[in-house]
Protein backbone atom coordinates (compact mmCIF):
# COMPACT_ATOMS: atom_id res chain seq x y z
CA MET A 1 -0.02 0.03 -0.02
CA GLU A 2 1.30 3.41 -0.85
CA THR A 3 1.98 5.95 1.75
CA ALA A 4 -0.68 8.36 0.53
CA GLN A 5 -3.22 5.68 0.48
CA LEU A 6 -2.25 4.53 3.95
CA ASP A 7 -2.54 8.02 5.25
CA ARG A 8 -6.07 8.34 3.63
CA LEU A 9 -7.08 5.06 5.17
CA LEU A 10 -5.92 6.05 8.67
CA ALA A 11 -7.65 9.41 8.42
CA SER A 12 -10.90 7.84 7.33
CA ARG A 13 -10.75 5.38 10.19
CA ASP A 14 -10.18 8.11 12.62
CA ALA A 15 -13.21 9.89 11.17
CA LYS A 16 -15.22 6.72 11.77
CA ARG A 17 -16.08 6.22 8.10
CA SER A 18 -16.92 2.88 6.35
CA ILE A 19 -13.86 1.57 4.68
CA ALA A 20 -12.84 -1.48 2.63
CA ARG A 21 -9.51 -2.34 1.03
CA LEU A 22 -9.64 -4.62 -2.06
CA ALA A 23 -6.59 -6.55 -3.36
CA ASP A 24 -6.40 -8.79 -6.35
CA ILE A 25 -4.48 -11.89 -5.25
CA ALA A 26 -2.83 -12.52 -8.61
CA THR A 27 -1.94 -9.10 -9.82
CA GLY A 28 -1.69 -7.11 -6.59
CA ALA A 29 -3.94 -4.36 -7.94
CA GLU A 30 -5.73 -2.56 -5.06
CA ALA A 31 -8.66 -0.22 -4.49
CA LEU A 32 -9.71 1.66 -1.44
CA VAL A 33 -13.42 2.09 -0.93
CA ILE A 34 -14.51 4.82 1.53
CA ASP A 35 -18.10 5.55 2.11
CA GLY A 36 -19.03 3.81 -1.17
CA LYS A 37 -16.41 5.68 -3.32
CA ALA A 38 -13.69 3.74 -4.87
CA GLU A 39 -10.17 4.83 -5.71
CA GLY A 40 -7.33 2.76 -7.07
CA ALA A 41 -6.27 0.54 -9.90
CA LEU A 42 -8.50 -2.36 -9.27
CA ALA A 43 -11.66 -2.43 -11.38
CA ILE A 44 -14.87 -3.25 -9.61
CA ASP A 45 -17.43 -5.28 -11.61
CA ALA A 46 -20.98 -6.16 -10.64
CA GLY A 47 -20.11 -9.46 -8.95
CA LEU A 48 -17.31 -7.88 -6.83
CA GLU A 49 -19.51 -4.92 -6.04
CA ALA A 50 -22.33 -7.24 -4.73
CA ALA A 51 -19.82 -9.16 -2.55
CA LEU A 52 -18.26 -5.90 -1.32
CA GLN A 53 -21.73 -4.53 -0.27
CA ASP A 54 -22.52 -7.83 1.48
CA ALA A 55 -19.11 -7.79 3.34
CA LEU A 56 -19.74 -4.28 4.48
CA ALA A 57 -23.26 -5.08 5.67
CA ARG A 58 -22.06 -8.00 7.64
CA GLU A 59 -18.82 -6.16 8.71
CA GLN A 60 -16.81 -9.34 7.63
CA SER A 61 -13.75 -9.53 5.44
CA ARG A 62 -13.82 -12.31 2.85
CA LEU A 63 -12.25 -13.69 -0.36
CA TYR A 64 -14.23 -13.03 -3.55
CA GLU A 65 -13.87 -15.51 -6.39
CA GLY A 66 -15.53 -14.75 -9.81
CA GLU A 67 -14.96 -13.60 -13.25
CA GLY A 68 -11.61 -15.50 -13.29
CA ARG A 69 -10.08 -13.61 -10.42
CA ARG A 70 -9.67 -13.76 -6.63
CA VAL A 71 -9.97 -10.49 -4.67
CA PHE A 72 -9.52 -10.22 -0.89
CA ILE A 73 -11.98 -7.72 0.58
CA HIS A 74 -10.59 -6.34 3.90
CA VAL A 75 -13.36 -4.59 5.75
CA LEU A 76 -12.24 -1.96 8.34
CA THR A 77 -15.21 -0.80 10.42
CA PRO A 78 -15.06 1.94 13.02
CA PRO A 79 -15.39 0.55 16.54
CA LEU A 80 -18.65 -0.02 18.05
CA ARG A 81 -19.26 2.12 21.20
CA LEU A 82 -21.60 2.10 24.14
CA ALA A 83 -22.21 4.92 26.49
CA ILE A 84 -23.97 3.80 29.72
CA VAL A 85 -25.56 6.52 31.93
CA GLY A 86 -25.82 5.43 35.55
CA ALA A 87 -23.51 3.09 37.36
CA GLY A 88 -25.79 0.79 39.13
CA HIS A 89 -25.91 -3.08 39.13
CA ILE A 90 -27.45 -3.38 35.65
CA SER A 91 -24.73 -1.09 34.23
CA GLN A 92 -21.98 -3.43 35.79
CA TYR A 93 -23.31 -6.51 33.93
CA LEU A 94 -23.97 -4.55 30.78
CA SER A 95 -20.60 -3.04 30.69
CA SER A 96 -19.10 -6.57 31.00
CA ILE A 97 -21.34 -8.25 28.46
CA ALA A 98 -20.99 -5.34 25.94
CA GLY A 99 -17.25 -5.47 26.22
CA GLU A 100 -17.23 -9.15 25.45
CA ALA A 101 -19.47 -8.45 22.43
CA GLY A 102 -16.89 -5.99 21.01
CA PHE A 103 -18.21 -2.54 22.27
CA ASP A 104 -15.80 0.14 23.62
CA VAL A 105 -17.81 1.07 26.75
CA THR A 106 -17.87 4.35 28.54
CA VAL A 107 -19.86 4.59 31.86
CA ILE A 108 -21.22 8.08 32.75
CA ASP A 109 -22.04 9.00 36.32
CA PRO A 110 -21.09 12.14 38.37
CA ARG A 111 -21.34 9.94 41.45
CA THR A 112 -17.78 8.81 41.84
CA THR A 113 -18.71 6.28 44.50
CA TYR A 114 -20.67 4.35 41.93
CA ALA A 115 -18.64 4.99 38.82
CA SER A 116 -15.35 3.59 40.06
CA ALA A 117 -12.55 1.57 38.44
CA ALA A 118 -13.09 -1.07 40.97
CA ARG A 119 -16.71 -1.60 39.86
CA PHE A 120 -16.06 -0.99 36.12
CA PRO A 121 -12.54 -2.40 35.58
CA ARG A 122 -12.91 -2.62 31.76
CA ALA A 123 -14.80 0.54 30.98
CA LYS A 124 -13.86 4.22 30.40
CA LEU A 125 -15.27 6.41 33.19
CA SER A 126 -16.77 9.87 32.95
CA HIS A 127 -17.83 11.82 36.07
CA ASP A 128 -19.11 14.73 34.07
CA TRP A 129 -22.75 15.60 33.97
CA PRO A 130 -24.30 13.36 31.28
CA ASP A 131 -25.01 16.05 28.54
CA VAL A 132 -21.41 17.33 28.90
CA ALA A 133 -20.06 13.75 28.98
CA LEU A 134 -21.85 12.80 25.82
CA GLU A 135 -20.61 15.95 24.05
CA GLY A 136 -17.21 14.65 24.58
CA PHE A 137 -18.11 11.07 23.71
CA GLY A 138 -19.69 12.26 20.47
CA PRO A 139 -22.29 9.51 19.61
CA ASP A 140 -22.21 8.61 15.95
CA ARG A 141 -23.87 5.95 13.77
CA ARG A 142 -21.66 3.20 15.35
CA SER A 143 -22.67 4.26 18.88
CA ALA A 144 -25.43 3.16 21.26
CA VAL A 145 -26.53 5.23 24.35
CA VAL A 146 -28.43 3.68 27.30
CA THR A 147 -29.68 5.46 30.38
CA LEU A 148 -30.00 3.29 33.50
CA SER A 149 -29.73 5.72 36.35
CA HIS A 150 -33.53 5.86 36.88
CA ASP A 151 -32.97 9.56 37.94
CA PRO A 152 -34.48 12.20 35.46
CA LYS A 153 -31.82 14.60 36.47
CA LEU A 154 -29.20 12.25 34.92
CA ASP A 155 -31.22 10.31 32.27
CA GLU A 156 -33.03 13.13 30.54
CA PRO A 157 -30.12 15.39 29.70
CA ALA A 158 -28.39 12.16 28.33
CA LEU A 159 -31.44 11.26 26.29
CA ALA A 160 -31.76 14.72 24.87
CA ALA A 161 -28.08 14.68 23.77
CA ALA A 162 -28.45 11.18 22.24
CA LEU A 163 -31.60 12.16 20.33
CA ARG A 164 -29.63 15.12 18.77
CA SER A 165 -26.89 12.71 17.70
CA ASP A 166 -26.56 10.02 15.02
CA ALA A 167 -26.52 7.22 17.65
CA PHE A 168 -28.03 4.15 16.04
CA TYR A 169 -29.64 3.02 19.34
CA VAL A 170 -31.07 5.04 22.29
CA GLY A 171 -32.50 3.11 25.26
CA ALA A 172 -33.92 3.98 28.65
CA LEU A 173 -34.69 2.15 31.80
CA GLY A 174 -38.14 2.51 33.29
CA SER A 175 -41.70 1.29 33.30
CA ARG A 176 -44.20 2.24 30.63
CA LYS A 177 -45.60 4.76 33.17
CA THR A 178 -42.18 6.19 33.67
CA GLN A 179 -41.60 6.32 29.84
CA ALA A 180 -44.92 8.10 29.27
CA GLN A 181 -44.04 10.75 32.00
CA ARG A 182 -40.59 11.27 30.50
CA ARG A 183 -42.16 11.70 26.98
CA GLU A 184 -44.24 14.44 28.21
CA ARG A 185 -41.47 16.33 29.82
CA MET A 186 -39.30 15.92 26.77
CA LYS A 187 -42.15 17.17 24.55
CA ALA A 188 -42.20 20.30 26.59
CA GLN A 189 -38.55 20.71 25.75
CA GLY A 190 -39.35 20.62 22.02
CA PHE A 191 -38.90 17.05 20.98
CA SER A 192 -41.24 15.65 18.38
CA GLU A 193 -43.08 12.34 18.52
CA SER A 194 -40.84 10.89 15.83
CA GLU A 195 -37.73 11.93 17.71
CA LEU A 196 -39.03 10.47 21.00
CA ASN A 197 -40.02 7.23 19.15
CA ARG A 198 -36.26 6.56 18.75
CA ILE A 199 -36.03 5.77 22.44
CA HIS A 200 -36.33 2.06 23.26
CA GLY A 201 -38.20 2.03 26.47
CA PRO A 202 -38.71 -0.03 28.57
CA VAL A 203 -35.22 -0.82 27.39
CA GLY A 204 -34.23 -4.35 26.23
CA LEU A 205 -35.95 -7.18 24.35
CA ASP A 206 -39.10 -8.56 26.13
CA ILE A 207 -37.66 -11.84 27.40
CA GLY A 208 -39.11 -11.75 30.81
CA ALA A 209 -35.88 -10.57 32.34
CA LEU A 210 -35.83 -9.97 36.03
CA SER A 211 -32.34 -9.92 37.61
CA PRO A 212 -29.80 -7.26 36.79
CA ALA A 213 -27.80 -9.76 34.67
CA GLU A 214 -30.87 -10.85 32.71
CA ILE A 215 -31.87 -7.18 32.05
CA ALA A 216 -28.34 -6.59 30.82
CA ILE A 217 -28.57 -9.55 28.39
CA ALA A 218 -31.95 -8.21 27.11
CA ILE A 219 -30.46 -4.78 26.47
CA ILE A 220 -27.38 -5.97 24.55
CA ALA A 221 -29.55 -8.31 22.54
CA GLN A 222 -31.90 -5.36 21.56
CA ILE A 223 -28.79 -3.24 20.66
CA ILE A 224 -27.41 -6.01 18.39
CA ASP A 225 -30.89 -6.58 16.89
CA VAL A 226 -31.14 -2.86 15.98
CA LEU A 227 -27.55 -2.84 14.74
CA ARG A 228 -27.94 -5.84 12.38
CA PRO A 229 -31.53 -6.08 11.28
CA LYS A 230 -32.36 -9.69 10.29
CA LYS A 231 -32.80 -10.53 6.63
CA LYS A 232 -35.45 -13.02 5.61
CA GLY A 233 -34.01 -16.50 5.58
CA VAL A 234 -30.81 -15.44 7.17
CA GLY A 235 -29.78 -16.54 10.62
CA VAL A 236 -27.24 -18.27 12.84
CA ARG A 237 -27.29 -22.02 12.15
CA ALA A 238 -25.88 -24.70 14.34
CA ALA A 239 -23.09 -26.84 12.73
């Protein structure tokens, strides 16, 4: 890879853009595809384009074989990130499970007693007020935001910041009554019905979860479900 191309790849990765590097196994010809725009010497035909789009959608590198050539598609996706507001018991489990699922986790809570390295050994910690913390976090289309403090003073500033962002998932803990009351308060702040409908609440898939660990599992399952919508006939199959 040429230095200029490498610099462009690194800059695009830092900007959290969708990137794929294509390399012809036989000829060494390459192409760099950034946000759907290709540059380089490698020609992209219809078959390779279809394989590229599928690889990007699945976020999986692969070898394409077709039209008499073999092309390696190297997918470089920005990291998945999760901001958790509130450092309670559910947050401890969610932080751990999300980390195992490949998320870069940040826990936000101004209460230092709760948001401590001892309780969240693998997560980044922020003790700023949630709206300030999320401004620094910078939610993007590879980010999820979940509010779990059950305190409107913490949750609602975070939800407001999340709804103004490109976060692909926004979730909030609370009963349906709590969700309805929150919606009314946030409507008064100027949020529309369509904006408020982005909030998944009560948060998590409805699997009958009761314990903090079960609720955390339900939440990460819903986040993944939103991140990767299921296609008809496509699923995980046992060997």
